[in-house]
């Protein structure tokens, strides 16, 4: 029901910053939750951050919460992920996802997301 597309990945030196963007379109009913996940090379996909559709409720994974910020521009149908102080360990394909499941708490498991973007590559040089 919703199409997602990520922008903003690229190559950045260690210590640098990137701002990822996830644009939502094509929906007739809006999702409840949006999320960011990442998959480093040779590893499983992991949760990064989530925000509700209205943009008021946010959760960022403990491993990155001091460096990453999630936000949402409802008027622009866009979600952002600000990545600061990047390290080579942050290199991954970053994907955004949407969930149509109503829950009382944040959704951090990828299995609870229904739609995914194709991902954007983040590469960090040491």
PDB file of N, CA and C in Angstrom:
ATOM      1  N   UNK A   1       0.805  -1.202   0.000  1.00  0.00           N
ATOM      2  CA  UNK A   1       0.000   0.000   0.000  1.00  0.00           C
ATOM      3  C   UNK A   1       0.840   1.255   0.000  1.00  0.00           C
ATOM      4  N   UNK A   2       2.068   1.164   0.401  1.00  0.00           N
ATOM      5  CA  UNK A   2       2.937   2.336   0.413  1.00  0.00           C
ATOM      6  C   UNK A   2       4.235   1.985  -0.289  1.00  0.00           C
ATOM      7  N   UNK A   3       4.742   2.942  -1.035  1.00  0.00           N
ATOM      8  CA  UNK A   3       6.033   2.776  -1.687  1.00  0.00           C
ATOM      9  C   UNK A   3       7.056   3.635  -0.959  1.00  0.00           C
ATOM     10  N   UNK A   4       8.204   3.060  -0.728  1.00  0.00           N
ATOM     11  CA  UNK A   4       9.250   3.738   0.015  1.00  0.00           C
ATOM     12  C   UNK A   4      10.507   3.810  -0.832  1.00  0.00           C
ATOM     13  N   UNK A   5      11.176   4.929  -0.729  1.00  0.00           N
ATOM     14  CA  UNK A   5      12.414   5.085  -1.459  1.00  0.00           C
ATOM     15  C   UNK A   5      13.398   5.865  -0.611  1.00  0.00           C
ATOM     16  N   UNK A   6      14.616   5.355  -0.520  1.00  0.00           N
ATOM     17  CA  UNK A   6      15.656   5.978   0.276  1.00  0.00           C
ATOM     18  C   UNK A   6      16.587   6.802  -0.598  1.00  0.00           C
ATOM     19  N   UNK A   7      17.104   7.858   0.017  1.00  0.00           N
ATOM     20  CA  UNK A   7      18.092   8.716  -0.625  1.00  0.00           C
ATOM     21  C   UNK A   7      19.162   9.087   0.395  1.00  0.00           C
ATOM     22  N   UNK A   8      20.301   9.494  -0.083  1.00  0.00           N
ATOM     23  CA  UNK A   8      21.283  10.112   0.789  1.00  0.00           C
ATOM     24  C   UNK A   8      22.482   9.283   1.161  1.00  0.00           C
ATOM     25  N   UNK A   9      22.530   8.024   0.768  1.00  0.00           N
ATOM     26  CA  UNK A   9      23.703   7.233   1.072  1.00  0.00           C
ATOM     27  C   UNK A   9      24.903   7.685   0.282  1.00  0.00           C
ATOM     28  N   UNK A  10      26.050   7.157   0.654  1.00  0.00           N
ATOM     29  CA  UNK A  10      27.272   7.516  -0.056  1.00  0.00           C
ATOM     30  C   UNK A  10      28.500   7.141   0.725  1.00  0.00           C
ATOM     31  N   UNK A  11      29.628   7.666   0.265  1.00  0.00           N
ATOM     32  CA  UNK A  11      30.919   7.420   0.897  1.00  0.00           C
ATOM     33  C   UNK A  11      31.283   8.622   1.765  1.00  0.00           C
ATOM     34  N   UNK A  12      31.631   8.360   3.000  1.00  0.00           N
ATOM     35  CA  UNK A  12      31.976   9.428   3.930  1.00  0.00           C
ATOM     36  C   UNK A  12      33.173   8.990   4.754  1.00  0.00           C
ATOM     37  N   UNK A  13      34.080   9.891   5.099  1.00  0.00           N
ATOM     38  CA  UNK A  13      35.213   9.505   5.951  1.00  0.00           C
ATOM     39  C   UNK A  13      34.753   9.274   7.383  1.00  0.00           C
ATOM     40  N   UNK A  14      35.526   8.500   8.089  1.00  0.00           N
ATOM     41  CA  UNK A  14      35.227   8.261   9.503  1.00  0.00           C
ATOM     42  C   UNK A  14      35.132   9.597  10.235  1.00  0.00           C
ATOM     43  N   UNK A  15      34.127   9.698  11.089  1.00  0.00           N
ATOM     44  CA  UNK A  15      33.883  10.950  11.790  1.00  0.00           C
ATOM     45  C   UNK A  15      32.926  11.876  11.079  1.00  0.00           C
ATOM     46  N   UNK A  16      32.599  11.538   9.859  1.00  0.00           N
ATOM     47  CA  UNK A  16      31.713  12.371   9.062  1.00  0.00           C
ATOM     48  C   UNK A  16      30.242  12.119   9.344  1.00  0.00           C
ATOM     49  N   UNK A  17      29.404  12.808   8.582  1.00  0.00           N
ATOM     50  CA  UNK A  17      27.958  12.736   8.773  1.00  0.00           C
ATOM     51  C   UNK A  17      27.248  12.515   7.446  1.00  0.00           C
ATOM     52  N   UNK A  18      26.089  11.938   7.547  1.00  0.00           N
ATOM     53  CA  UNK A  18      25.197  11.785   6.405  1.00  0.00           C
ATOM     54  C   UNK A  18      23.770  11.992   6.884  1.00  0.00           C
ATOM     55  N   UNK A  19      22.916  12.400   5.957  1.00  0.00           N
ATOM     56  CA  UNK A  19      21.494  12.498   6.255  1.00  0.00           C
ATOM     57  C   UNK A  19      20.746  11.646   5.235  1.00  0.00           C
ATOM     58  N   UNK A  20      20.121  10.612   5.740  1.00  0.00           N
ATOM     59  CA  UNK A  20      19.339   9.731   4.881  1.00  0.00           C
ATOM     60  C   UNK A  20      17.890  10.194   4.864  1.00  0.00           C
ATOM     61  N   UNK A  21      17.255   9.986   3.745  1.00  0.00           N
ATOM     62  CA  UNK A  21      15.874  10.390   3.556  1.00  0.00           C
ATOM     63  C   UNK A  21      15.081   9.205   3.041  1.00  0.00           C
ATOM     64  N   UNK A  22      13.873   9.057   3.559  1.00  0.00           N
ATOM     65  CA  UNK A  22      12.960   8.018   3.093  1.00  0.00           C
ATOM     66  C   UNK A  22      11.661   8.704   2.675  1.00  0.00           C
ATOM     67  N   UNK A  23      11.347   8.586   1.407  1.00  0.00           N
ATOM     68  CA  UNK A  23      10.135   9.207   0.884  1.00  0.00           C
ATOM     69  C   UNK A  23       9.037   8.160   0.717  1.00  0.00           C
ATOM     70  N   UNK A  24       7.874   8.482   1.228  1.00  0.00           N
ATOM     71  CA  UNK A  24       6.727   7.582   1.127  1.00  0.00           C
ATOM     72  C   UNK A  24       5.753   8.110   0.090  1.00  0.00           C
ATOM     73  N   UNK A  25       5.171   7.193  -0.681  1.00  0.00           N
ATOM     74  CA  UNK A  25       4.223   7.612  -1.709  1.00  0.00           C
ATOM     75  C   UNK A  25       3.292   6.467  -2.056  1.00  0.00           C
ATOM     76  N   UNK A  26       2.253   6.782  -2.796  1.00  0.00           N
ATOM     77  CA  UNK A  26       1.393   5.762  -3.362  1.00  0.00           C
ATOM     78  C   UNK A  26       0.437   5.090  -2.410  1.00  0.00           C
ATOM     79  N   UNK A  27       0.298   5.619  -1.205  1.00  0.00           N
ATOM     80  CA  UNK A  27      -0.568   4.941  -0.249  1.00  0.00           C
ATOM     81  C   UNK A  27      -1.973   5.519  -0.256  1.00  0.00           C
ATOM     82  N   UNK A  28      -2.929   4.658   0.041  1.00  0.00           N
ATOM     83  CA  UNK A  28      -4.306   5.106   0.208  1.00  0.00           C
ATOM     84  C   UNK A  28      -4.655   5.215   1.678  1.00  0.00           C
ATOM     85  N   UNK A  29      -3.999   4.432   2.499  1.00  0.00           N
ATOM     86  CA  UNK A  29      -4.091   4.572   3.945  1.00  0.00           C
ATOM     87  C   UNK A  29      -2.675   4.630   4.491  1.00  0.00           C
ATOM     88  N   UNK A  30      -2.467   5.478   5.478  1.00  0.00           N
ATOM     89  CA  UNK A  30      -1.108   5.690   5.972  1.00  0.00           C
ATOM     90  C   UNK A  30      -0.700   4.598   6.946  1.00  0.00           C
ATOM     91  N   UNK A  31       0.594   4.262   6.968  1.00  0.00           N
ATOM     92  CA  UNK A  31       1.092   3.305   7.950  1.00  0.00           C
ATOM     93  C   UNK A  31       1.019   3.895   9.356  1.00  0.00           C
ATOM     94  N   UNK A  32       1.184   3.037  10.355  1.00  0.00           N
ATOM     95  CA  UNK A  32       1.259   3.523  11.734  1.00  0.00           C
ATOM     96  C   UNK A  32       2.683   3.916  12.109  1.00  0.00           C
ATOM     97  N   UNK A  33       3.635   3.203  11.546  1.00  0.00           N
ATOM     98  CA  UNK A  33       5.014   3.331  11.993  1.00  0.00           C
ATOM     99  C   UNK A  33       5.971   3.262  10.809  1.00  0.00           C
ATOM    100  N   UNK A  34       7.027   4.028  10.905  1.00  0.00           N
ATOM    101  CA  UNK A  34       8.135   3.945   9.962  1.00  0.00           C
ATOM    102  C   UNK A  34       9.402   3.580  10.721  1.00  0.00           C
ATOM    103  N   UNK A  35      10.294   2.891  10.034  1.00  0.00           N
ATOM    104  CA  UNK A  35      11.530   2.503  10.708  1.00  0.00           C
ATOM    105  C   UNK A  35      12.725   2.497   9.779  1.00  0.00           C
ATOM    106  N   UNK A  36      13.887   2.558  10.382  1.00  0.00           N
ATOM    107  CA  UNK A  36      15.160   2.401   9.673  1.00  0.00           C
ATOM    108  C   UNK A  36      15.851   1.139  10.182  1.00  0.00           C
ATOM    109  N   UNK A  37      16.354   0.363   9.252  1.00  0.00           N
ATOM    110  CA  UNK A  37      17.160  -0.808   9.557  1.00  0.00           C
ATOM    111  C   UNK A  37      18.438  -0.730   8.738  1.00  0.00           C
ATOM    112  N   UNK A  38      19.432  -1.493   9.146  1.00  0.00           N
ATOM    113  CA  UNK A  38      20.663  -1.547   8.358  1.00  0.00           C
ATOM    114  C   UNK A  38      21.187  -2.970   8.320  1.00  0.00           C
ATOM    115  N   UNK A  39      21.879  -3.277   7.246  1.00  0.00           N
ATOM    116  CA  UNK A  39      22.480  -4.597   7.092  1.00  0.00           C
ATOM    117  C   UNK A  39      23.923  -4.443   6.672  1.00  0.00           C
ATOM    118  N   UNK A  40      24.849  -4.629   7.605  1.00  0.00           N
ATOM    119  CA  UNK A  40      26.272  -4.572   7.269  1.00  0.00           C
ATOM    120  C   UNK A  40      26.658  -5.760   6.388  1.00  0.00           C
ATOM    121  N   UNK A  41      27.757  -5.681   5.691  1.00  0.00           N
ATOM    122  CA  UNK A  41      28.183  -6.782   4.828  1.00  0.00           C
ATOM    123  C   UNK A  41      28.373  -8.076   5.611  1.00  0.00           C
ATOM    124  N   UNK A  42      27.745  -9.133   5.154  1.00  0.00           N
ATOM    125  CA  UNK A  42      27.900 -10.435   5.775  1.00  0.00           C
ATOM    126  C   UNK A  42      27.187 -10.613   7.101  1.00  0.00           C
ATOM    127  N   UNK A  43      26.354  -9.635   7.464  1.00  0.00           N
ATOM    128  CA  UNK A  43      25.660  -9.704   8.755  1.00  0.00           C
ATOM    129  C   UNK A  43      24.156  -9.609   8.546  1.00  0.00           C
ATOM    130  N   UNK A  44      23.429  -9.871   9.613  1.00  0.00           N
ATOM    131  CA  UNK A  44      21.983  -9.791   9.544  1.00  0.00           C
ATOM    132  C   UNK A  44      21.509  -8.346   9.645  1.00  0.00           C
ATOM    133  N   UNK A  45      20.312  -8.120   9.154  1.00  0.00           N
ATOM    134  CA  UNK A  45      19.708  -6.804   9.256  1.00  0.00           C
ATOM    135  C   UNK A  45      19.424  -6.489  10.713  1.00  0.00           C
ATOM    136  N   UNK A  46      19.659  -5.232  11.094  1.00  0.00           N
ATOM    137  CA  UNK A  46      19.429  -4.837  12.481  1.00  0.00           C
ATOM    138  C   UNK A  46      18.642  -3.539  12.552  1.00  0.00           C
ATOM    139  N   UNK A  47      17.920  -3.411  13.643  1.00  0.00           N
ATOM    140  CA  UNK A  47      17.094  -2.231  13.885  1.00  0.00           C
ATOM    141  C   UNK A  47      17.972  -1.022  14.183  1.00  0.00           C
ATOM    142  N   UNK A  48      17.573   0.124  13.638  1.00  0.00           N
ATOM    143  CA  UNK A  48      18.287   1.368  13.900  1.00  0.00           C
ATOM    144  C   UNK A  48      17.393   2.365  14.626  1.00  0.00           C
ATOM    145  N   UNK A  49      16.214   2.616  14.077  1.00  0.00           N
ATOM    146  CA  UNK A  49      15.355   3.631  14.676  1.00  0.00           C
ATOM    147  C   UNK A  49      13.941   3.501  14.136  1.00  0.00           C
ATOM    148  N   UNK A  50      12.994   4.056  14.887  1.00  0.00           N
ATOM    149  CA  UNK A  50      11.603   4.040  14.450  1.00  0.00           C
ATOM    150  C   UNK A  50      10.906   5.318  14.894  1.00  0.00           C
ATOM    151  N   UNK A  51       9.890   5.696  14.143  1.00  0.00           N
ATOM    152  CA  UNK A  51       9.096   6.874  14.465  1.00  0.00           C
ATOM    153  C   UNK A  51       7.660   6.597  14.047  1.00  0.00           C
ATOM    154  N   UNK A  52       6.712   7.109  14.823  1.00  0.00           N
ATOM    155  CA  UNK A  52       5.336   6.905  14.416  1.00  0.00           C
ATOM    156  C   UNK A  52       4.988   7.837  13.260  1.00  0.00           C
ATOM    157  N   UNK A  53       3.855   7.563  12.617  1.00  0.00           N
ATOM    158  CA  UNK A  53       3.506   8.309  11.415  1.00  0.00           C
ATOM    159  C   UNK A  53       3.402   9.803  11.677  1.00  0.00           C
ATOM    160  N   UNK A  54       2.930  10.163  12.854  1.00  0.00           N
ATOM    161  CA  UNK A  54       2.815  11.573  13.179  1.00  0.00           C
ATOM    162  C   UNK A  54       4.126  12.236  13.537  1.00  0.00           C
ATOM    163  N   UNK A  55       5.130  11.431  13.822  1.00  0.00           N
ATOM    164  CA  UNK A  55       6.450  11.980  14.115  1.00  0.00           C
ATOM    165  C   UNK A  55       6.714  12.313  15.567  1.00  0.00           C
ATOM    166  N   UNK A  56       5.816  11.949  16.452  1.00  0.00           N
ATOM    167  CA  UNK A  56       5.988  12.354  17.838  1.00  0.00           C
ATOM    168  C   UNK A  56       6.679  11.312  18.695  1.00  0.00           C
ATOM    169  N   UNK A  57       6.548  10.060  18.377  1.00  0.00           N
ATOM    170  CA  UNK A  57       7.128   8.982  19.176  1.00  0.00           C
ATOM    171  C   UNK A  57       8.308   8.380  18.437  1.00  0.00           C
ATOM    172  N   UNK A  58       9.490   8.472  19.067  1.00  0.00           N
ATOM    173  CA  UNK A  58      10.721   8.036  18.402  1.00  0.00           C
ATOM    174  C   UNK A  58      11.513   7.122  19.308  1.00  0.00           C
ATOM    175  N   UNK A  59      12.147   6.138  18.710  1.00  0.00           N
ATOM    176  CA  UNK A  59      13.049   5.249  19.424  1.00  0.00           C
ATOM    177  C   UNK A  59      14.265   5.012  18.542  1.00  0.00           C
ATOM    178  N   UNK A  60      15.434   5.121  19.138  1.00  0.00           N
ATOM    179  CA  UNK A  60      16.683   4.861  18.428  1.00  0.00           C
ATOM    180  C   UNK A  60      17.424   3.751  19.171  1.00  0.00           C
ATOM    181  N   UNK A  61      18.001   2.838  18.426  1.00  0.00           N
ATOM    182  CA  UNK A  61      18.729   1.718  19.018  1.00  0.00           C
ATOM    183  C   UNK A  61      19.840   2.221  19.925  1.00  0.00           C
ATOM    184  N   UNK A  62      20.038   1.521  21.029  1.00  0.00           N
ATOM    185  CA  UNK A  62      21.039   1.936  22.007  1.00  0.00           C
ATOM    186  C   UNK A  62      22.433   2.073  21.397  1.00  0.00           C
ATOM    187  N   UNK A  63      22.753   1.209  20.443  1.00  0.00           N
ATOM    188  CA  UNK A  63      24.116   1.194  19.915  1.00  0.00           C
ATOM    189  C   UNK A  63      24.434   2.448  19.110  1.00  0.00           C
ATOM    190  N   UNK A  64      23.414   3.186  18.691  1.00  0.00           N
ATOM    191  CA  UNK A  64      23.663   4.374  17.870  1.00  0.00           C
ATOM    192  C   UNK A  64      22.980   5.621  18.409  1.00  0.00           C
ATOM    193  N   UNK A  65      22.288   5.537  19.524  1.00  0.00           N
ATOM    194  CA  UNK A  65      21.416   6.634  19.955  1.00  0.00           C
ATOM    195  C   UNK A  65      22.170   7.913  20.263  1.00  0.00           C
ATOM    196  N   UNK A  66      23.451   7.808  20.571  1.00  0.00           N
ATOM    197  CA  UNK A  66      24.235   9.019  20.848  1.00  0.00           C
ATOM    198  C   UNK A  66      24.699   9.708  19.569  1.00  0.00           C
ATOM    199  N   UNK A  67      24.507   9.057  18.435  1.00  0.00           N
ATOM    200  CA  UNK A  67      25.043   9.598  17.183  1.00  0.00           C
ATOM    201  C   UNK A  67      23.993   9.740  16.089  1.00  0.00           C
ATOM    202  N   UNK A  68      22.926   8.987  16.174  1.00  0.00           N
ATOM    203  CA  UNK A  68      21.903   8.998  15.121  1.00  0.00           C
ATOM    204  C   UNK A  68      20.619   9.636  15.633  1.00  0.00           C
ATOM    205  N   UNK A  69      19.937  10.329  14.737  1.00  0.00           N
ATOM    206  CA  UNK A  69      18.668  10.971  15.088  1.00  0.00           C
ATOM    207  C   UNK A  69      17.642  10.674  14.004  1.00  0.00           C
ATOM    208  N   UNK A  70      16.454  10.282  14.422  1.00  0.00           N
ATOM    209  CA  UNK A  70      15.374  10.046  13.483  1.00  0.00           C
ATOM    210  C   UNK A  70      14.374  11.187  13.584  1.00  0.00           C
ATOM    211  N   UNK A  71      13.818  11.550  12.443  1.00  0.00           N
ATOM    212  CA  UNK A  71      12.804  12.594  12.435  1.00  0.00           C
ATOM    213  C   UNK A  71      11.842  12.351  11.282  1.00  0.00           C
ATOM    214  N   UNK A  72      10.737  13.090  11.335  1.00  0.00           N
ATOM    215  CA  UNK A  72       9.703  12.895  10.325  1.00  0.00           C
ATOM    216  C   UNK A  72       9.108  14.231   9.945  1.00  0.00           C
ATOM    217  N   UNK A  73       8.963  14.447   8.667  1.00  0.00           N
ATOM    218  CA  UNK A  73       8.276  15.616   8.146  1.00  0.00           C
ATOM    219  C   UNK A  73       6.967  15.128   7.540  1.00  0.00           C
ATOM    220  N   UNK A  74       5.909  15.204   8.316  1.00  0.00           N
ATOM    221  CA  UNK A  74       4.635  14.654   7.861  1.00  0.00           C
ATOM    222  C   UNK A  74       4.119  15.377   6.618  1.00  0.00           C
ATOM    223  N   UNK A  75       4.320  16.665   6.566  1.00  0.00           N
ATOM    224  CA  UNK A  75       3.821  17.435   5.427  1.00  0.00           C
ATOM    225  C   UNK A  75       4.491  17.011   4.123  1.00  0.00           C
ATOM    226  N   UNK A  76       5.726  16.567   4.221  1.00  0.00           N
ATOM    227  CA  UNK A  76       6.479  16.159   3.033  1.00  0.00           C
ATOM    228  C   UNK A  76       6.484  14.657   2.836  1.00  0.00           C
ATOM    229  N   UNK A  77       5.785  13.938   3.698  1.00  0.00           N
ATOM    230  CA  UNK A  77       5.763  12.473   3.612  1.00  0.00           C
ATOM    231  C   UNK A  77       7.174  11.898   3.604  1.00  0.00           C
ATOM    232  N   UNK A  78       7.980  12.413   4.486  1.00  0.00           N
ATOM    233  CA  UNK A  78       9.394  12.050   4.489  1.00  0.00           C
ATOM    234  C   UNK A  78       9.873  11.740   5.890  1.00  0.00           C
ATOM    235  N   UNK A  79      10.775  10.787   5.968  1.00  0.00           N
ATOM    236  CA  UNK A  79      11.433  10.434   7.224  1.00  0.00           C
ATOM    237  C   UNK A  79      12.932  10.603   7.024  1.00  0.00           C
ATOM    238  N   UNK A  80      13.605  11.063   8.062  1.00  0.00           N
ATOM    239  CA  UNK A  80      15.037  11.305   7.969  1.00  0.00           C
ATOM    240  C   UNK A  80      15.793  10.479   9.015  1.00  0.00           C
ATOM    241  N   UNK A  81      17.025  10.193   8.701  1.00  0.00           N
ATOM    242  CA  UNK A  81      17.941   9.605   9.670  1.00  0.00           C
ATOM    243  C   UNK A  81      19.251  10.365   9.566  1.00  0.00           C
ATOM    244  N   UNK A  82      19.568  11.110  10.612  1.00  0.00           N
ATOM    245  CA  UNK A  82      20.816  11.860  10.668  1.00  0.00           C
ATOM    246  C   UNK A  82      21.876  10.982  11.304  1.00  0.00           C
ATOM    247  N   UNK A  83      22.947  10.754  10.577  1.00  0.00           N
ATOM    248  CA  UNK A  83      24.031   9.911  11.056  1.00  0.00           C
ATOM    249  C   UNK A  83      25.258  10.783  11.301  1.00  0.00           C
ATOM    250  N   UNK A  84      25.703  10.843  12.543  1.00  0.00           N
ATOM    251  CA  UNK A  84      26.873  11.639  12.903  1.00  0.00           C
ATOM    252  C   UNK A  84      27.986  10.757  13.448  1.00  0.00           C
ATOM    253  N   UNK A  85      29.193  11.281  13.418  1.00  0.00           N
ATOM    254  CA  UNK A  85      30.353  10.585  13.962  1.00  0.00           C
ATOM    255  C   UNK A  85      30.443   9.150  13.453  1.00  0.00           C
ATOM    256  N   UNK A  86      30.341   9.008  12.168  1.00  0.00           N
ATOM    257  CA  UNK A  86      30.295   7.680  11.566  1.00  0.00           C
ATOM    258  C   UNK A  86      31.622   6.952  11.706  1.00  0.00           C
ATOM    259  N   UNK A  87      31.520   5.658  11.881  1.00  0.00           N
ATOM    260  CA  UNK A  87      32.685   4.778  11.961  1.00  0.00           C
ATOM    261  C   UNK A  87      32.552   3.708  10.883  1.00  0.00           C
ATOM    262  N   UNK A  88      33.638   3.018  10.570  1.00  0.00           N
ATOM    263  CA  UNK A  88      33.533   1.940   9.566  1.00  0.00           C
ATOM    264  C   UNK A  88      32.503   0.878   9.947  1.00  0.00           C
ATOM    265  N   UNK A  89      32.242   0.731  11.242  1.00  0.00           N
ATOM    266  CA  UNK A  89      31.249  -0.257  11.676  1.00  0.00           C
ATOM    267  C   UNK A  89      29.827   0.149  11.317  1.00  0.00           C
ATOM    268  N   UNK A  90      29.634   1.397  10.944  1.00  0.00           N
ATOM    269  CA  UNK A  90      28.307   1.861  10.527  1.00  0.00           C
ATOM    270  C   UNK A  90      28.031   1.580   9.046  1.00  0.00           C
ATOM    271  N   UNK A  91      29.035   1.139   8.333  1.00  0.00           N
ATOM    272  CA  UNK A  91      28.849   0.857   6.911  1.00  0.00           C
ATOM    273  C   UNK A  91      27.836  -0.260   6.727  1.00  0.00           C
ATOM    274  N   UNK A  92      26.848   0.001   5.877  1.00  0.00           N
ATOM    275  CA  UNK A  92      25.759  -0.963   5.697  1.00  0.00           C
ATOM    276  C   UNK A  92      24.824  -0.452   4.615  1.00  0.00           C
ATOM    277  N   UNK A  93      23.908  -1.313   4.234  1.00  0.00           N
ATOM    278  CA  UNK A  93      22.765  -0.869   3.437  1.00  0.00           C
ATOM    279  C   UNK A  93      21.679  -0.465   4.420  1.00  0.00           C
ATOM    280  N   UNK A  94      21.268   0.777   4.327  1.00  0.00           N
ATOM    281  CA  UNK A  94      20.234   1.303   5.215  1.00  0.00           C
ATOM    282  C   UNK A  94      18.909   1.293   4.470  1.00  0.00           C
ATOM    283  N   UNK A  95      17.904   0.698   5.109  1.00  0.00           N
ATOM    284  CA  UNK A  95      16.594   0.569   4.486  1.00  0.00           C
ATOM    285  C   UNK A  95      15.521   1.158   5.393  1.00  0.00           C
ATOM    286  N   UNK A  96      14.534   1.758   4.760  1.00  0.00           N
ATOM    287  CA  UNK A  96      13.381   2.203   5.536  1.00  0.00           C
ATOM    288  C   UNK A  96      12.224   1.238   5.320  1.00  0.00           C
ATOM    289  N   UNK A  97      11.351   1.217   6.284  1.00  0.00           N
ATOM    290  CA  UNK A  97      10.245   0.262   6.264  1.00  0.00           C
ATOM    291  C   UNK A  97       9.015   0.900   6.880  1.00  0.00           C
ATOM    292  N   UNK A  98       7.866   0.350   6.520  1.00  0.00           N
ATOM    293  CA  UNK A  98       6.590   0.849   7.035  1.00  0.00           C
ATOM    294  C   UNK A  98       5.782  -0.303   7.604  1.00  0.00           C
ATOM    295  N   UNK A  99       5.107  -0.012   8.701  1.00  0.00           N
ATOM    296  CA  UNK A  99       4.268  -1.020   9.347  1.00  0.00           C
ATOM    297  C   UNK A  99       2.840  -0.518   9.452  1.00  0.00           C
ATOM    298  N   UNK A 100       1.916  -1.426   9.115  1.00  0.00           N
ATOM    299  CA  UNK A 100       0.494  -1.121   9.248  1.00  0.00           C
ATOM    300  C   UNK A 100      -0.101  -1.782  10.494  1.00  0.00           C
ATOM    301  N   UNK A 101       0.752  -2.207  11.399  1.00  0.00           N
ATOM    302  CA  UNK A 101       0.289  -2.907  12.605  1.00  0.00           C
ATOM    303  C   UNK A 101       0.201  -1.924  13.744  1.00  0.00           C
ATOM    304  N   UNK A 102      -0.959  -1.899  14.351  1.00  0.00           N
ATOM    305  CA  UNK A 102      -1.138  -1.003  15.479  1.00  0.00           C
ATOM    306  C   UNK A 102      -0.598  -1.661  16.740  1.00  0.00           C
ATOM    307  N   UNK A 103       0.305  -0.984  17.430  1.00  0.00           N
ATOM    308  CA  UNK A 103       0.859  -1.499  18.686  1.00  0.00           C
ATOM    309  C   UNK A 103       0.904  -0.361  19.690  1.00  0.00           C
ATOM    310  N   UNK A 104       1.012  -0.713  20.936  1.00  0.00           N
ATOM    311  CA  UNK A 104       1.108   0.297  21.986  1.00  0.00           C
ATOM    312  C   UNK A 104       2.526   0.815  22.147  1.00  0.00           C
ATOM    313  N   UNK A 105       3.483   0.058  21.680  1.00  0.00           N
ATOM    314  CA  UNK A 105       4.872   0.453  21.824  1.00  0.00           C
ATOM    315  C   UNK A 105       5.586   0.516  20.491  1.00  0.00           C
ATOM    316  N   UNK A 106       6.848   0.877  20.507  1.00  0.00           N
ATOM    317  CA  UNK A 106       7.610   0.973  19.257  1.00  0.00           C
ATOM    318  C   UNK A 106       7.827  -0.397  18.624  1.00  0.00           C
ATOM    319  N   UNK A 107       7.946  -0.406  17.319  1.00  0.00           N
ATOM    320  CA  UNK A 107       8.177  -1.645  16.586  1.00  0.00           C
ATOM    321  C   UNK A 107       9.645  -1.704  16.189  1.00  0.00           C
ATOM    322  N   UNK A 108      10.349  -2.668  16.746  1.00  0.00           N
ATOM    323  CA  UNK A 108      11.782  -2.782  16.489  1.00  0.00           C
ATOM    324  C   UNK A 108      12.161  -4.055  15.757  1.00  0.00           C
ATOM    325  N   UNK A 109      11.215  -4.952  15.530  1.00  0.00           N
ATOM    326  CA  UNK A 109      11.507  -6.203  14.847  1.00  0.00           C
ATOM    327  C   UNK A 109      11.129  -6.097  13.375  1.00  0.00           C
ATOM    328  N   UNK A 110      12.028  -6.472  12.538  1.00  0.00           N
ATOM    329  CA  UNK A 110      11.793  -6.329  11.105  1.00  0.00           C
ATOM    330  C   UNK A 110      10.593  -7.141  10.642  1.00  0.00           C
ATOM    331  N   UNK A 111      10.277  -8.217  11.308  1.00  0.00           N
ATOM    332  CA  UNK A 111       9.152  -9.054  10.894  1.00  0.00           C
ATOM    333  C   UNK A 111       7.811  -8.341  11.037  1.00  0.00           C
ATOM    334  N   UNK A 112       7.782  -7.261  11.782  1.00  0.00           N
ATOM    335  CA  UNK A 112       6.541  -6.528  11.976  1.00  0.00           C
ATOM    336  C   UNK A 112       6.383  -5.368  11.008  1.00  0.00           C
ATOM    337  N   UNK A 113       7.294  -5.268  10.090  1.00  0.00           N
ATOM    338  CA  UNK A 113       7.190  -4.250   9.054  1.00  0.00           C
ATOM    339  C   UNK A 113       6.694  -4.898   7.765  1.00  0.00           C
ATOM    340  N   UNK A 114       5.834  -4.175   7.069  1.00  0.00           N
ATOM    341  CA  UNK A 114       5.125  -4.755   5.935  1.00  0.00           C
ATOM    342  C   UNK A 114       5.698  -4.352   4.580  1.00  0.00           C
ATOM    343  N   UNK A 115       6.266  -3.154   4.510  1.00  0.00           N
ATOM    344  CA  UNK A 115       6.780  -2.650   3.238  1.00  0.00           C
ATOM    345  C   UNK A 115       8.177  -2.104   3.439  1.00  0.00           C
ATOM    346  N   UNK A 116       8.996  -2.300   2.429  1.00  0.00           N
ATOM    347  CA  UNK A 116      10.405  -1.921   2.509  1.00  0.00           C
ATOM    348  C   UNK A 116      10.842  -1.155   1.258  1.00  0.00           C
ATOM    349  N   UNK A 117      11.773  -0.247   1.472  1.00  0.00           N
ATOM    350  CA  UNK A 117      12.454   0.368   0.351  1.00  0.00           C
ATOM    351  C   UNK A 117      13.592  -0.530  -0.113  1.00  0.00           C
ATOM    352  N   UNK A 118      14.257  -0.098  -1.173  1.00  0.00           N
ATOM    353  CA  UNK A 118      15.343  -0.910  -1.739  1.00  0.00           C
ATOM    354  C   UNK A 118      16.648  -0.713  -1.002  1.00  0.00           C
ATOM    355  N   UNK A 119      16.751   0.322  -0.235  1.00  0.00           N
ATOM    356  CA  UNK A 119      17.952   0.549   0.552  1.00  0.00           C
ATOM    357  C   UNK A 119      18.914   1.516  -0.107  1.00  0.00           C
ATOM    358  N   UNK A 120      19.753   2.098   0.728  1.00  0.00           N
ATOM    359  CA  UNK A 120      20.799   2.995   0.252  1.00  0.00           C
ATOM    360  C   UNK A 120      22.103   2.629   0.955  1.00  0.00           C
ATOM    361  N   UNK A 121      23.174   2.598   0.201  1.00  0.00           N
ATOM    362  CA  UNK A 121      24.458   2.145   0.732  1.00  0.00           C
ATOM    363  C   UNK A 121      25.180   3.277   1.445  1.00  0.00           C
ATOM    364  N   UNK A 122      25.635   2.988   2.636  1.00  0.00           N
ATOM    365  CA  UNK A 122      26.485   3.908   3.385  1.00  0.00           C
ATOM    366  C   UNK A 122      27.849   3.246   3.540  1.00  0.00           C
ATOM    367  N   UNK A 123      28.872   3.920   3.075  1.00  0.00           N
ATOM    368  CA  UNK A 123      30.234   3.417   3.162  1.00  0.00           C
ATOM    369  C   UNK A 123      31.065   4.421   3.944  1.00  0.00           C
ATOM    370  N   UNK A 124      31.822   3.936   4.904  1.00  0.00           N
ATOM    371  CA  UNK A 124      32.628   4.803   5.755  1.00  0.00           C
ATOM    372  C   UNK A 124      34.085   4.403   5.604  1.00  0.00           C
ATOM    373  N   UNK A 125      34.906   5.324   5.177  1.00  0.00           N
ATOM    374  CA  UNK A 125      36.324   5.049   4.993  1.00  0.00           C
ATOM    375  C   UNK A 125      37.086   5.355   6.285  1.00  0.00           C
ATOM    376  N   UNK A 126      38.051   4.510   6.587  1.00  0.00           N
ATOM    377  CA  UNK A 126      38.830   4.694   7.823  1.00  0.00           C
ATOM    378  C   UNK A 126      40.040   5.577   7.589  1.00  0.00           C
TER     379      UNK A 126
END
